[in-house]
PDB file of N, CA and C in Angstrom:
ATOM      1  N   MET A   1       0.813  -1.187   0.000  1.00  0.00           N
ATOM      2  CA  MET A   1       0.000   0.000   0.000  1.00  0.00           C
ATOM      3  C   MET A   1       0.862   1.259   0.000  1.00  0.00           C
ATOM      4  N   ARG A   2       2.032   1.201   0.647  1.00  0.00           N
ATOM      5  CA  ARG A   2       2.934   2.361   0.663  1.00  0.00           C
ATOM      6  C   ARG A   2       3.385   2.729  -0.739  1.00  0.00           C
ATOM      7  N   GLY A   3       3.564   1.712  -1.588  1.00  0.00           N
ATOM      8  CA  GLY A   3       3.980   1.952  -2.968  1.00  0.00           C
ATOM      9  C   GLY A   3       2.942   2.759  -3.733  1.00  0.00           C
ATOM     10  N   VAL A   4       1.660   2.437  -3.514  1.00  0.00           N
ATOM     11  CA  VAL A   4       0.579   3.177  -4.168  1.00  0.00           C
ATOM     12  C   VAL A   4       0.593   4.633  -3.723  1.00  0.00           C
ATOM     13  N   TYR A   5       0.748   4.877  -2.410  1.00  0.00           N
ATOM     14  CA  TYR A   5       0.796   6.246  -1.907  1.00  0.00           C
ATOM     15  C   TYR A   5       2.003   6.995  -2.460  1.00  0.00           C
ATOM     16  N   ALA A   6       3.121   6.316  -2.601  1.00  0.00           N
ATOM     17  CA  ALA A   6       4.329   6.957  -3.134  1.00  0.00           C
ATOM     18  C   ALA A   6       4.120   7.371  -4.594  1.00  0.00           C
ATOM     19  N   VAL A   7       3.497   6.496  -5.381  1.00  0.00           N
ATOM     20  CA  VAL A   7       3.242   6.810  -6.784  1.00  0.00           C
ATOM     21  C   VAL A   7       2.268   7.972  -6.901  1.00  0.00           C
ATOM     22  N   VAL A   8       1.187   7.943  -6.140  1.00  0.00           N
ATOM     23  CA  VAL A   8       0.198   9.023  -6.173  1.00  0.00           C
ATOM     24  C   VAL A   8       0.832  10.335  -5.732  1.00  0.00           C
ATOM     25  N   SER A   9       1.623  10.315  -4.685  1.00  0.00           N
ATOM     26  CA  SER A   9       2.290  11.525  -4.205  1.00  0.00           C
ATOM     27  C   SER A   9       3.249  12.066  -5.246  1.00  0.00           C
ATOM     28  N   THR A  10       3.989  11.191  -5.901  1.00  0.00           N
ATOM     29  CA  THR A  10       4.930  11.610  -6.928  1.00  0.00           C
ATOM     30  C   THR A  10       4.204  12.256  -8.103  1.00  0.00           C
ATOM     31  N   LEU A  11       3.111  11.635  -8.559  1.00  0.00           N
ATOM     32  CA  LEU A  11       2.341  12.201  -9.663  1.00  0.00           C
ATOM     33  C   LEU A  11       1.727  13.542  -9.283  1.00  0.00           C
ATOM     34  N   PHE A  12       1.231  13.662  -8.063  1.00  0.00           N
ATOM     35  CA  PHE A  12       0.655  14.915  -7.593  1.00  0.00           C
ATOM     36  C   PHE A  12       1.709  16.013  -7.574  1.00  0.00           C
ATOM     37  N   LEU A  13       2.876  15.725  -7.035  1.00  0.00           N
ATOM     38  CA  LEU A  13       3.947  16.713  -6.980  1.00  0.00           C
ATOM     39  C   LEU A  13       4.437  17.084  -8.375  1.00  0.00           C
ATOM     40  N   ALA A  14       4.524  16.120  -9.265  1.00  0.00           N
ATOM     41  CA  ALA A  14       4.943  16.409 -10.641  1.00  0.00           C
ATOM     42  C   ALA A  14       3.937  17.340 -11.308  1.00  0.00           C
ATOM     43  N   GLY A  15       2.667  17.107 -11.077  1.00  0.00           N
ATOM     44  CA  GLY A  15       1.635  17.991 -11.621  1.00  0.00           C
ATOM     45  C   GLY A  15       1.720  19.389 -11.056  1.00  0.00           C
ATOM     46  N   MET A  16       2.041  19.507  -9.781  1.00  0.00           N
ATOM     47  CA  MET A  16       2.162  20.818  -9.149  1.00  0.00           C
ATOM     48  C   MET A  16       3.362  21.575  -9.701  1.00  0.00           C
ATOM     49  N   LEU A  17       4.462  20.876  -9.990  1.00  0.00           N
ATOM     50  CA  LEU A  17       5.665  21.532 -10.474  1.00  0.00           C
ATOM     51  C   LEU A  17       5.573  21.901 -11.953  1.00  0.00           C
ATOM     52  N   CYS A  18       4.882  21.083 -12.739  1.00  0.00           N
ATOM     53  CA  CYS A  18       4.851  21.284 -14.185  1.00  0.00           C
ATOM     54  C   CYS A  18       3.739  22.230 -14.640  1.00  0.00           C
ATOM     55  N   GLY A  19       2.661  22.309 -13.918  1.00  0.00           N
ATOM     56  CA  GLY A  19       1.544  23.118 -14.378  1.00  0.00           C
ATOM     57  C   GLY A  19       0.825  23.783 -13.239  1.00  0.00           C
ATOM     58  N   GLN A  20      -0.095  24.628 -13.602  1.00  0.00           N
ATOM     59  CA  GLN A  20      -0.905  25.298 -12.614  1.00  0.00           C
ATOM     60  C   GLN A  20      -2.202  24.522 -12.440  1.00  0.00           C
ATOM     61  N   GLN A  21      -2.982  24.933 -11.478  1.00  0.00           N
ATOM     62  CA  GLN A  21      -4.276  24.310 -11.212  1.00  0.00           C
ATOM     63  C   GLN A  21      -5.187  24.462 -12.432  1.00  0.00           C
ATOM     64  N   GLN A  22      -5.949  23.450 -12.720  1.00  0.00           N
ATOM     65  CA  GLN A  22      -6.898  23.522 -13.813  1.00  0.00           C
ATOM     66  C   GLN A  22      -8.041  24.435 -13.406  1.00  0.00           C
ATOM     67  N   THR A  23      -8.513  25.285 -14.319  1.00  0.00           N
ATOM     68  CA  THR A  23      -9.587  26.221 -14.009  1.00  0.00           C
ATOM     69  C   THR A  23     -10.931  25.499 -13.950  1.00  0.00           C
ATOM     70  N   ASP A  24     -11.939  26.192 -13.442  1.00  0.00           N
ATOM     71  CA  ASP A  24     -13.308  25.679 -13.438  1.00  0.00           C
ATOM     72  C   ASP A  24     -13.872  25.768 -14.857  1.00  0.00           C
ATOM     73  N   TRP A  25     -14.926  25.018 -15.122  1.00  0.00           N
ATOM     74  CA  TRP A  25     -15.594  25.072 -16.411  1.00  0.00           C
ATOM     75  C   TRP A  25     -16.266  26.433 -16.567  1.00  0.00           C
ATOM     76  N   VAL A  26     -16.101  27.068 -17.725  1.00  0.00           N
ATOM     77  CA  VAL A  26     -16.763  28.336 -18.049  1.00  0.00           C
ATOM     78  C   VAL A  26     -17.368  28.217 -19.445  1.00  0.00           C
ATOM     79  N   SER A  27     -18.397  29.008 -19.694  1.00  0.00           N
ATOM     80  CA  SER A  27     -19.059  28.995 -20.999  1.00  0.00           C
ATOM     81  C   SER A  27     -18.240  29.736 -22.033  1.00  0.00           C
ATOM     82  N   ALA A  28     -18.313  29.250 -23.258  1.00  0.00           N
ATOM     83  CA  ALA A  28     -17.709  29.997 -24.372  1.00  0.00           C
ATOM     84  C   ALA A  28     -18.395  31.352 -24.429  1.00  0.00           C
ATOM     85  N   SER A  29     -17.683  32.373 -24.869  1.00  0.00           N
ATOM     86  CA  SER A  29     -18.210  33.737 -24.806  1.00  0.00           C
ATOM     87  C   SER A  29     -19.475  33.941 -25.627  1.00  0.00           C
ATOM     88  N   ASN A  30     -19.704  33.125 -26.638  1.00  0.00           N
ATOM     89  CA  ASN A  30     -20.888  33.316 -27.480  1.00  0.00           C
ATOM     90  C   ASN A  30     -21.849  32.116 -27.492  1.00  0.00           C
ATOM     91  N   ASN A  31     -21.615  31.125 -26.630  1.00  0.00           N
ATOM     92  CA  ASN A  31     -22.498  29.955 -26.592  1.00  0.00           C
ATOM     93  C   ASN A  31     -22.432  29.319 -25.204  1.00  0.00           C
ATOM     94  N   PRO A  32     -23.481  29.512 -24.385  1.00  0.00           N
ATOM     95  CA  PRO A  32     -23.440  28.991 -23.017  1.00  0.00           C
ATOM     96  C   PRO A  32     -23.493  27.466 -22.916  1.00  0.00           C
ATOM     97  N   ASP A  33     -23.804  26.773 -24.013  1.00  0.00           N
ATOM     98  CA  ASP A  33     -23.874  25.308 -23.990  1.00  0.00           C
ATOM     99  C   ASP A  33     -22.508  24.645 -24.144  1.00  0.00           C
ATOM    100  N   ILE A  34     -21.539  25.358 -24.695  1.00  0.00           N
ATOM    101  CA  ILE A  34     -20.192  24.822 -24.859  1.00  0.00           C
ATOM    102  C   ILE A  34     -19.323  25.365 -23.731  1.00  0.00           C
ATOM    103  N   LEU A  35     -18.797  24.456 -22.931  1.00  0.00           N
ATOM    104  CA  LEU A  35     -17.963  24.826 -21.791  1.00  0.00           C
ATOM    105  C   LEU A  35     -16.512  24.465 -22.062  1.00  0.00           C
ATOM    106  N   TYR A  36     -15.601  25.198 -21.417  1.00  0.00           N
ATOM    107  CA  TYR A  36     -14.186  24.875 -21.530  1.00  0.00           C
ATOM    108  C   TYR A  36     -13.486  25.146 -20.217  1.00  0.00           C
ATOM    109  N   ARG A  37     -12.356  24.504 -20.035  1.00  0.00           N
ATOM    110  CA  ARG A  37     -11.476  24.775 -18.903  1.00  0.00           C
ATOM    111  C   ARG A  37     -10.051  24.581 -19.405  1.00  0.00           C
ATOM    112  N   ASP A  38      -9.133  25.279 -18.751  1.00  0.00           N
ATOM    113  CA  ASP A  38      -7.769  25.206 -19.240  1.00  0.00           C
ATOM    114  C   ASP A  38      -6.788  24.990 -18.107  1.00  0.00           C
ATOM    115  N   GLN A  39      -5.622  24.575 -18.503  1.00  0.00           N
ATOM    116  CA  GLN A  39      -4.493  24.410 -17.601  1.00  0.00           C
ATOM    117  C   GLN A  39      -3.262  24.909 -18.340  1.00  0.00           C
ATOM    118  N   VAL A  40      -2.529  25.815 -17.712  1.00  0.00           N
ATOM    119  CA  VAL A  40      -1.333  26.379 -18.320  1.00  0.00           C
ATOM    120  C   VAL A  40      -0.122  25.647 -17.767  1.00  0.00           C
ATOM    121  N   PHE A  41       0.733  25.182 -18.658  1.00  0.00           N
ATOM    122  CA  PHE A  41       1.968  24.520 -18.270  1.00  0.00           C
ATOM    123  C   PHE A  41       3.115  25.492 -18.519  1.00  0.00           C
ATOM    124  N   ASP A  42       3.581  26.126 -17.446  1.00  0.00           N
ATOM    125  CA  ASP A  42       4.606  27.161 -17.552  1.00  0.00           C
ATOM    126  C   ASP A  42       5.892  26.654 -18.192  1.00  0.00           C
ATOM    127  N   ARG A  43       6.371  25.520 -17.746  1.00  0.00           N
ATOM    128  CA  ARG A  43       7.648  25.005 -18.271  1.00  0.00           C
ATOM    129  C   ARG A  43       7.553  24.619 -19.734  1.00  0.00           C
ATOM    130  N   ALA A  44       6.413  24.108 -20.135  1.00  0.00           N
ATOM    131  CA  ALA A  44       6.220  23.715 -21.531  1.00  0.00           C
ATOM    132  C   ALA A  44       5.771  24.904 -22.383  1.00  0.00           C
ATOM    133  N   LYS A  45       5.434  26.010 -21.735  1.00  0.00           N
ATOM    134  CA  LYS A  45       4.929  27.195 -22.433  1.00  0.00           C
ATOM    135  C   LYS A  45       3.754  26.817 -23.327  1.00  0.00           C
ATOM    136  N   ALA A  46       2.747  26.168 -22.729  1.00  0.00           N
ATOM    137  CA  ALA A  46       1.593  25.703 -23.486  1.00  0.00           C
ATOM    138  C   ALA A  46       0.336  25.737 -22.623  1.00  0.00           C
ATOM    139  N   CYS A  47      -0.798  25.876 -23.291  1.00  0.00           N
ATOM    140  CA  CYS A  47      -2.105  25.790 -22.635  1.00  0.00           C
ATOM    141  C   CYS A  47      -2.807  24.532 -23.140  1.00  0.00           C
ATOM    142  N   TYR A  48      -3.353  23.767 -22.225  1.00  0.00           N
ATOM    143  CA  TYR A  48      -4.119  22.571 -22.538  1.00  0.00           C
ATOM    144  C   TYR A  48      -5.571  22.902 -22.246  1.00  0.00           C
ATOM    145  N   ILE A  49      -6.466  22.722 -23.216  1.00  0.00           N
ATOM    146  CA  ILE A  49      -7.868  23.118 -23.070  1.00  0.00           C
ATOM    147  C   ILE A  49      -8.766  21.916 -23.307  1.00  0.00           C
ATOM    148  N   GLU A  50      -9.767  21.762 -22.440  1.00  0.00           N
ATOM    149  CA  GLU A  50     -10.789  20.735 -22.603  1.00  0.00           C
ATOM    150  C   GLU A  50     -12.117  21.424 -22.896  1.00  0.00           C
ATOM    151  N   PHE A  51     -12.913  20.820 -23.780  1.00  0.00           N
ATOM    152  CA  PHE A  51     -14.231  21.345 -24.133  1.00  0.00           C
ATOM    153  C   PHE A  51     -15.278  20.261 -23.898  1.00  0.00           C
ATOM    154  N   ARG A  52     -16.478  20.697 -23.523  1.00  0.00           N
ATOM    155  CA  ARG A  52     -17.611  19.763 -23.423  1.00  0.00           C
ATOM    156  C   ARG A  52     -18.890  20.487 -23.827  1.00  0.00           C
ATOM    157  N   ASP A  53     -19.868  19.712 -24.254  1.00  0.00           N
ATOM    158  CA  ASP A  53     -21.155  20.234 -24.707  1.00  0.00           C
ATOM    159  C   ASP A  53     -22.205  19.875 -23.659  1.00  0.00           C
ATOM    160  N   GLN A  54     -22.838  20.895 -23.093  1.00  0.00           N
ATOM    161  CA  GLN A  54     -23.872  20.636 -22.077  1.00  0.00           C
ATOM    162  C   GLN A  54     -25.120  19.993 -22.680  1.00  0.00           C
ATOM    163  N   LYS A  55     -25.302  20.121 -23.980  1.00  0.00           N
ATOM    164  CA  LYS A  55     -26.442  19.505 -24.653  1.00  0.00           C
ATOM    165  C   LYS A  55     -26.017  18.238 -25.400  1.00  0.00           C
ATOM    166  N   GLN A  56     -24.914  17.645 -24.949  1.00  0.00           N
ATOM    167  CA  GLN A  56     -24.394  16.434 -25.580  1.00  0.00           C
ATOM    168  C   GLN A  56     -25.449  15.341 -25.547  1.00  0.00           C
ATOM    169  N   GLY A  57     -25.760  14.797 -26.690  1.00  0.00           N
ATOM    170  CA  GLY A  57     -26.698  13.681 -26.754  1.00  0.00           C
ATOM    171  C   GLY A  57     -25.933  12.372 -26.692  1.00  0.00           C
ATOM    172  N   THR A  58     -26.467  11.357 -27.343  1.00  0.00           N
ATOM    173  CA  THR A  58     -25.805  10.057 -27.343  1.00  0.00           C
ATOM    174  C   THR A  58     -24.747   9.960 -28.438  1.00  0.00           C
ATOM    175  N   GLY A  59     -24.734  10.927 -29.347  1.00  0.00           N
ATOM    176  CA  GLY A  59     -23.754  10.932 -30.431  1.00  0.00           C
ATOM    177  C   GLY A  59     -22.589  11.846 -30.096  1.00  0.00           C
ATOM    178  N   TYR A  60     -22.049  12.463 -31.115  1.00  0.00           N
ATOM    179  CA  TYR A  60     -20.909  13.352 -30.911  1.00  0.00           C
ATOM    180  C   TYR A  60     -21.265  14.770 -31.332  1.00  0.00           C
ATOM    181  N   THR A  61     -20.510  15.735 -30.856  1.00  0.00           N
ATOM    182  CA  THR A  61     -20.682  17.137 -31.201  1.00  0.00           C
ATOM    183  C   THR A  61     -19.393  17.625 -31.844  1.00  0.00           C
ATOM    184  N   THR A  62     -19.524  18.362 -32.933  1.00  0.00           N
ATOM    185  CA  THR A  62     -18.350  18.982 -33.559  1.00  0.00           C
ATOM    186  C   THR A  62     -18.577  20.487 -33.614  1.00  0.00           C
ATOM    187  N   PHE A  63     -17.497  21.240 -33.490  1.00  0.00           N
ATOM    188  CA  PHE A  63     -17.582  22.693 -33.624  1.00  0.00           C
ATOM    189  C   PHE A  63     -16.195  23.260 -33.856  1.00  0.00           C
ATOM    190  N   ASP A  64     -16.193  24.461 -34.386  1.00  0.00           N
ATOM    191  CA  ASP A  64     -14.950  25.209 -34.536  1.00  0.00           C
ATOM    192  C   ASP A  64     -14.875  26.201 -33.383  1.00  0.00           C
ATOM    193  N   VAL A  65     -13.688  26.458 -32.917  1.00  0.00           N
ATOM    194  CA  VAL A  65     -13.504  27.397 -31.810  1.00  0.00           C
ATOM    195  C   VAL A  65     -12.318  28.304 -32.113  1.00  0.00           C
ATOM    196  N   ALA A  66     -12.507  29.592 -31.856  1.00  0.00           N
ATOM    197  CA  ALA A  66     -11.420  30.569 -31.940  1.00  0.00           C
ATOM    198  C   ALA A  66     -10.983  30.841 -30.502  1.00  0.00           C
ATOM    199  N   VAL A  67      -9.738  30.554 -30.194  1.00  0.00           N
ATOM    200  CA  VAL A  67      -9.208  30.704 -28.842  1.00  0.00           C
ATOM    201  C   VAL A  67      -8.281  31.920 -28.798  1.00  0.00           C
ATOM    202  N   ASP A  68      -8.657  32.921 -27.997  1.00  0.00           N
ATOM    203  CA  ASP A  68      -7.794  34.078 -27.768  1.00  0.00           C
ATOM    204  C   ASP A  68      -6.923  33.772 -26.559  1.00  0.00           C
ATOM    205  N   TYR A  69      -5.629  34.042 -26.675  1.00  0.00           N
ATOM    206  CA  TYR A  69      -4.715  33.740 -25.585  1.00  0.00           C
ATOM    207  C   TYR A  69      -3.558  34.727 -25.566  1.00  0.00           C
ATOM    208  N   ASN A  70      -2.930  34.850 -24.416  1.00  0.00           N
ATOM    209  CA  ASN A  70      -1.712  35.645 -24.298  1.00  0.00           C
ATOM    210  C   ASN A  70      -0.543  34.753 -24.669  1.00  0.00           C
ATOM    211  N   SER A  71       0.246  35.226 -25.603  1.00  0.00           N
ATOM    212  CA  SER A  71       1.400  34.480 -26.072  1.00  0.00           C
ATOM    213  C   SER A  71       2.564  34.642 -25.101  1.00  0.00           C
ATOM    214  N   THR A  72       3.484  33.725 -25.163  1.00  0.00           N
ATOM    215  CA  THR A  72       4.722  33.885 -24.382  1.00  0.00           C
ATOM    216  C   THR A  72       5.641  34.890 -25.066  1.00  0.00           C
ATOM    217  N   ASP A  73       5.314  35.260 -26.328  1.00  0.00           N
ATOM    218  CA  ASP A  73       6.054  36.317 -27.027  1.00  0.00           C
ATOM    219  C   ASP A  73       5.647  37.665 -26.442  1.00  0.00           C
ATOM    220  N   LEU A  74       6.589  38.568 -26.296  1.00  0.00           N
ATOM    221  CA  LEU A  74       6.320  39.886 -25.728  1.00  0.00           C
ATOM    222  C   LEU A  74       6.375  40.953 -26.811  1.00  0.00           C
ATOM    223  N   ASN A  75       5.541  41.989 -26.649  1.00  0.00           N
ATOM    224  CA  ASN A  75       5.592  43.098 -27.597  1.00  0.00           C
ATOM    225  C   ASN A  75       6.709  44.063 -27.193  1.00  0.00           C
ATOM    226  N   SER A  76       6.819  45.184 -27.875  1.00  0.00           N
ATOM    227  CA  SER A  76       7.907  46.128 -27.620  1.00  0.00           C
ATOM    228  C   SER A  76       7.831  46.759 -26.228  1.00  0.00           C
ATOM    229  N   ASP A  77       6.633  46.724 -25.611  1.00  0.00           N
ATOM    230  CA  ASP A  77       6.471  47.240 -24.243  1.00  0.00           C
ATOM    231  C   ASP A  77       6.769  46.196 -23.182  1.00  0.00           C
ATOM    232  N   GLY A  78       7.119  44.983 -23.608  1.00  0.00           N
ATOM    233  CA  GLY A  78       7.406  43.905 -22.668  1.00  0.00           C
ATOM    234  C   GLY A  78       6.174  43.193 -22.146  1.00  0.00           C
ATOM    235  N   LYS A  79       5.015  43.406 -22.790  1.00  0.00           N
ATOM    236  CA  LYS A  79       3.769  42.756 -22.371  1.00  0.00           C
ATOM    237  C   LYS A  79       3.451  41.611 -23.329  1.00  0.00           C
ATOM    238  N   PRO A  80       2.760  40.580 -22.835  1.00  0.00           N
ATOM    239  CA  PRO A  80       2.407  39.452 -23.710  1.00  0.00           C
ATOM    240  C   PRO A  80       1.526  39.900 -24.876  1.00  0.00           C
ATOM    241  N   MET A  81       1.775  39.343 -26.039  1.00  0.00           N
ATOM    242  CA  MET A  81       0.964  39.636 -27.222  1.00  0.00           C
ATOM    243  C   MET A  81      -0.254  38.724 -27.223  1.00  0.00           C
ATOM    244  N   MET A  82      -1.451  39.282 -27.503  1.00  0.00           N
ATOM    245  CA  MET A  82      -2.637  38.452 -27.609  1.00  0.00           C
ATOM    246  C   MET A  82      -2.715  37.896 -29.026  1.00  0.00           C
ATOM    247  N   LYS A  83      -2.964  36.595 -29.120  1.00  0.00           N
ATOM    248  CA  LYS A  83      -3.076  35.910 -30.403  1.00  0.00           C
ATOM    249  C   LYS A  83      -4.360  35.090 -30.413  1.00  0.00           C
ATOM    250  N   THR A  84      -4.739  34.608 -31.591  1.00  0.00           N
ATOM    251  CA  THR A  84      -5.929  33.765 -31.746  1.00  0.00           C
ATOM    252  C   THR A  84      -5.558  32.541 -32.569  1.00  0.00           C
ATOM    253  N   ASP A  85      -5.944  31.377 -32.090  1.00  0.00           N
ATOM    254  CA  ASP A  85      -5.789  30.122 -32.833  1.00  0.00           C
ATOM    255  C   ASP A  85      -7.179  29.561 -33.112  1.00  0.00           C
ATOM    256  N   SER A  86      -7.349  28.933 -34.252  1.00  0.00           N
ATOM    257  CA  SER A  86      -8.602  28.270 -34.594  1.00  0.00           C
ATOM    258  C   SER A  86      -8.408  26.772 -34.466  1.00  0.00           C
ATOM    259  N   GLU A  87      -9.382  26.119 -33.862  1.00  0.00           N
ATOM    260  CA  GLU A  87      -9.312  24.673 -33.629  1.00  0.00           C
ATOM    261  C   GLU A  87     -10.633  24.038 -34.048  1.00  0.00           C
ATOM    262  N   HIS A  88     -10.580  22.781 -34.458  1.00  0.00           N
ATOM    263  CA  HIS A  88     -11.779  21.990 -34.722  1.00  0.00           C
ATOM    264  C   HIS A  88     -11.882  20.955 -33.600  1.00  0.00           C
ATOM    265  N   ILE A  89     -13.002  20.937 -32.907  1.00  0.00           N
ATOM    266  CA  ILE A  89     -13.159  20.116 -31.707  1.00  0.00           C
ATOM    267  C   ILE A  89     -14.278  19.089 -31.913  1.00  0.00           C
ATOM    268  N   VAL A  90     -14.065  17.892 -31.371  1.00  0.00           N
ATOM    269  CA  VAL A  90     -15.075  16.833 -31.365  1.00  0.00           C
ATOM    270  C   VAL A  90     -15.224  16.350 -29.927  1.00  0.00           C
ATOM    271  N   THR A  91     -16.474  16.316 -29.440  1.00  0.00           N
ATOM    272  CA  THR A  91     -16.746  15.770 -28.106  1.00  0.00           C
ATOM    273  C   THR A  91     -17.678  14.575 -28.252  1.00  0.00           C
ATOM    274  N   THR A  92     -17.629  13.673 -27.274  1.00  0.00           N
ATOM    275  CA  THR A  92     -18.535  12.525 -27.223  1.00  0.00           C
ATOM    276  C   THR A  92     -19.119  12.461 -25.817  1.00  0.00           C
ATOM    277  N   PRO A  93     -20.124  11.616 -25.605  1.00  0.00           N
ATOM    278  CA  PRO A  93     -20.697  11.513 -24.253  1.00  0.00           C
ATOM    279  C   PRO A  93     -19.669  11.086 -23.199  1.00  0.00           C
ATOM    280  N   SER A  94     -18.638  10.363 -23.596  1.00  0.00           N
ATOM    281  CA  SER A  94     -17.667   9.874 -22.618  1.00  0.00           C
ATOM    282  C   SER A  94     -16.299  10.559 -22.697  1.00  0.00           C
ATOM    283  N   HIS A  95     -16.105  11.504 -23.638  1.00  0.00           N
ATOM    284  CA  HIS A  95     -14.810  12.167 -23.780  1.00  0.00           C
ATOM    285  C   HIS A  95     -14.984  13.651 -24.079  1.00  0.00           C
ATOM    286  N   THR A  96     -14.146  14.451 -23.455  1.00  0.00           N
ATOM    287  CA  THR A  96     -14.110  15.871 -23.791  1.00  0.00           C
ATOM    288  C   THR A  96     -13.283  16.065 -25.051  1.00  0.00           C
ATOM    289  N   GLY A  97     -13.513  17.165 -25.729  1.00  0.00           N
ATOM    290  CA  GLY A  97     -12.657  17.542 -26.841  1.00  0.00           C
ATOM    291  C   GLY A  97     -11.462  18.288 -26.281  1.00  0.00           C
ATOM    292  N   THR A  98     -10.299  18.118 -26.865  1.00  0.00           N
ATOM    293  CA  THR A  98      -9.103  18.738 -26.307  1.00  0.00           C
ATOM    294  C   THR A  98      -8.336  19.529 -27.362  1.00  0.00           C
ATOM    295  N   SER A  99      -7.564  20.470 -26.852  1.00  0.00           N
ATOM    296  CA  SER A  99      -6.692  21.269 -27.702  1.00  0.00           C
ATOM    297  C   SER A  99      -5.471  21.657 -26.894  1.00  0.00           C
ATOM    298  N   ARG A 100      -4.332  21.777 -27.569  1.00  0.00           N
ATOM    299  CA  ARG A 100      -3.101  22.227 -26.932  1.00  0.00           C
ATOM    300  C   ARG A 100      -2.549  23.371 -27.764  1.00  0.00           C
ATOM    301  N   ILE A 101      -2.301  24.509 -27.118  1.00  0.00           N
ATOM    302  CA  ILE A 101      -1.783  25.677 -27.815  1.00  0.00           C
ATOM    303  C   ILE A 101      -0.373  25.959 -27.310  1.00  0.00           C
ATOM    304  N   SER A 102       0.578  25.962 -28.214  1.00  0.00           N
ATOM    305  CA  SER A 102       1.972  26.246 -27.865  1.00  0.00           C
ATOM    306  C   SER A 102       2.174  27.753 -27.681  1.00  0.00           C
ATOM    307  N   ASN A 103       3.236  28.109 -26.983  1.00  0.00           N
ATOM    308  CA  ASN A 103       3.580  29.514 -26.725  1.00  0.00           C
ATOM    309  C   ASN A 103       2.431  30.277 -26.086  1.00  0.00           C
ATOM    310  N   CYS A 104       1.718  29.634 -25.172  1.00  0.00           N
ATOM    311  CA  CYS A 104       0.551  30.205 -24.512  1.00  0.00           C
ATOM    312  C   CYS A 104       0.860  30.403 -23.030  1.00  0.00           C
ATOM    313  N   SER A 105       0.600  31.614 -22.531  1.00  0.00           N
ATOM    314  CA  SER A 105       0.821  31.878 -21.113  1.00  0.00           C
ATOM    315  C   SER A 105      -0.480  32.066 -20.349  1.00  0.00           C
ATOM    316  N   ALA A 106      -1.586  32.348 -21.044  1.00  0.00           N
ATOM    317  CA  ALA A 106      -2.889  32.500 -20.390  1.00  0.00           C
ATOM    318  C   ALA A 106      -3.988  32.493 -21.440  1.00  0.00           C
ATOM    319  N   LEU A 107      -5.080  31.832 -21.123  1.00  0.00           N
ATOM    320  CA  LEU A 107      -6.235  31.817 -22.007  1.00  0.00           C
ATOM    321  C   LEU A 107      -7.077  33.053 -21.721  1.00  0.00           C
ATOM    322  N   VAL A 108      -7.559  33.722 -22.773  1.00  0.00           N
ATOM    323  CA  VAL A 108      -8.366  34.932 -22.606  1.00  0.00           C
ATOM    324  C   VAL A 108      -9.844  34.630 -22.845  1.00  0.00           C
ATOM    325  N   ALA A 109     -10.173  33.998 -23.977  1.00  0.00           N
ATOM    326  CA  ALA A 109     -11.570  33.707 -24.312  1.00  0.00           C
ATOM    327  C   ALA A 109     -11.637  32.637 -25.382  1.00  0.00           C
ATOM    328  N   ALA A 110     -12.825  32.050 -25.525  1.00  0.00           N
ATOM    329  CA  ALA A 110     -13.083  31.072 -26.585  1.00  0.00           C
ATOM    330  C   ALA A 110     -14.451  31.375 -27.196  1.00  0.00           C
ATOM    331  N   ARG A 111     -14.500  31.401 -28.525  1.00  0.00           N
ATOM    332  CA  ARG A 111     -15.737  31.635 -29.262  1.00  0.00           C
ATOM    333  C   ARG A 111     -15.968  30.454 -30.198  1.00  0.00           C
ATOM    334  N   VAL A 112     -17.175  29.898 -30.176  1.00  0.00           N
ATOM    335  CA  VAL A 112     -17.469  28.729 -31.003  1.00  0.00           C
ATOM    336  C   VAL A 112     -18.336  29.101 -32.196  1.00  0.00           C
ATOM    337  N   SER A 113     -18.230  28.285 -33.232  1.00  0.00           N
ATOM    338  CA  SER A 113     -19.086  28.440 -34.416  1.00  0.00           C
ATOM    339  C   SER A 113     -19.322  27.078 -35.026  1.00  0.00           C
ATOM    340  N   LEU A 114     -20.318  27.001 -35.866  1.00  0.00           N
ATOM    341  CA  LEU A 114     -20.626  25.776 -36.590  1.00  0.00           C
ATOM    342  C   LEU A 114     -20.827  24.567 -35.679  1.00  0.00           C
ATOM    343  N   VAL A 115     -21.609  24.718 -34.630  1.00  0.00           N
ATOM    344  CA  VAL A 115     -21.894  23.603 -33.718  1.00  0.00           C
ATOM    345  C   VAL A 115     -22.840  22.632 -34.408  1.00  0.00           C
ATOM    346  N   GLN A 116     -22.433  21.364 -34.460  1.00  0.00           N
ATOM    347  CA  GLN A 116     -23.275  20.316 -35.035  1.00  0.00           C
ATOM    348  C   GLN A 116     -23.335  19.143 -34.062  1.00  0.00           C
ATOM    349  N   ARG A 117     -24.553  18.734 -33.746  1.00  0.00           N
ATOM    350  CA  ARG A 117     -24.754  17.584 -32.862  1.00  0.00           C
ATOM    351  C   ARG A 117     -25.256  16.436 -33.701  1.00  0.00           C
ATOM    352  N   HIS A 118     -24.581  15.290 -33.588  1.00  0.00           N
ATOM    353  CA  HIS A 118     -24.907  14.104 -34.410  1.00  0.00           C
ATOM    354  C   HIS A 118     -25.435  13.003 -33.529  1.00  0.00           C
TER     355      HIS A 118
END
């Protein structure tokens, strides 16, 4: 049993050192049915985002999302540059849709379009 606790403790500490706490679920700025949460990994300079559909049926949901984020690149004033990436996301009843954005220091907003439920 001590081995199990050691493994769990090691994984927990590794998660604490490599990334920040995962945020709570929030609605996309233009669609309250699509939720997302993110986790920023400082050392990897990346944001990991999960999406889910509150109206998810027994099939899958597809949508496009524009993600606004602060880049790890700095402008001439030394402040993070805001950028936008477009992603195509698929969710299922048992899996969230995921996205990973490189050179990301903070997520600002997510806007969805073309939501299709199958």
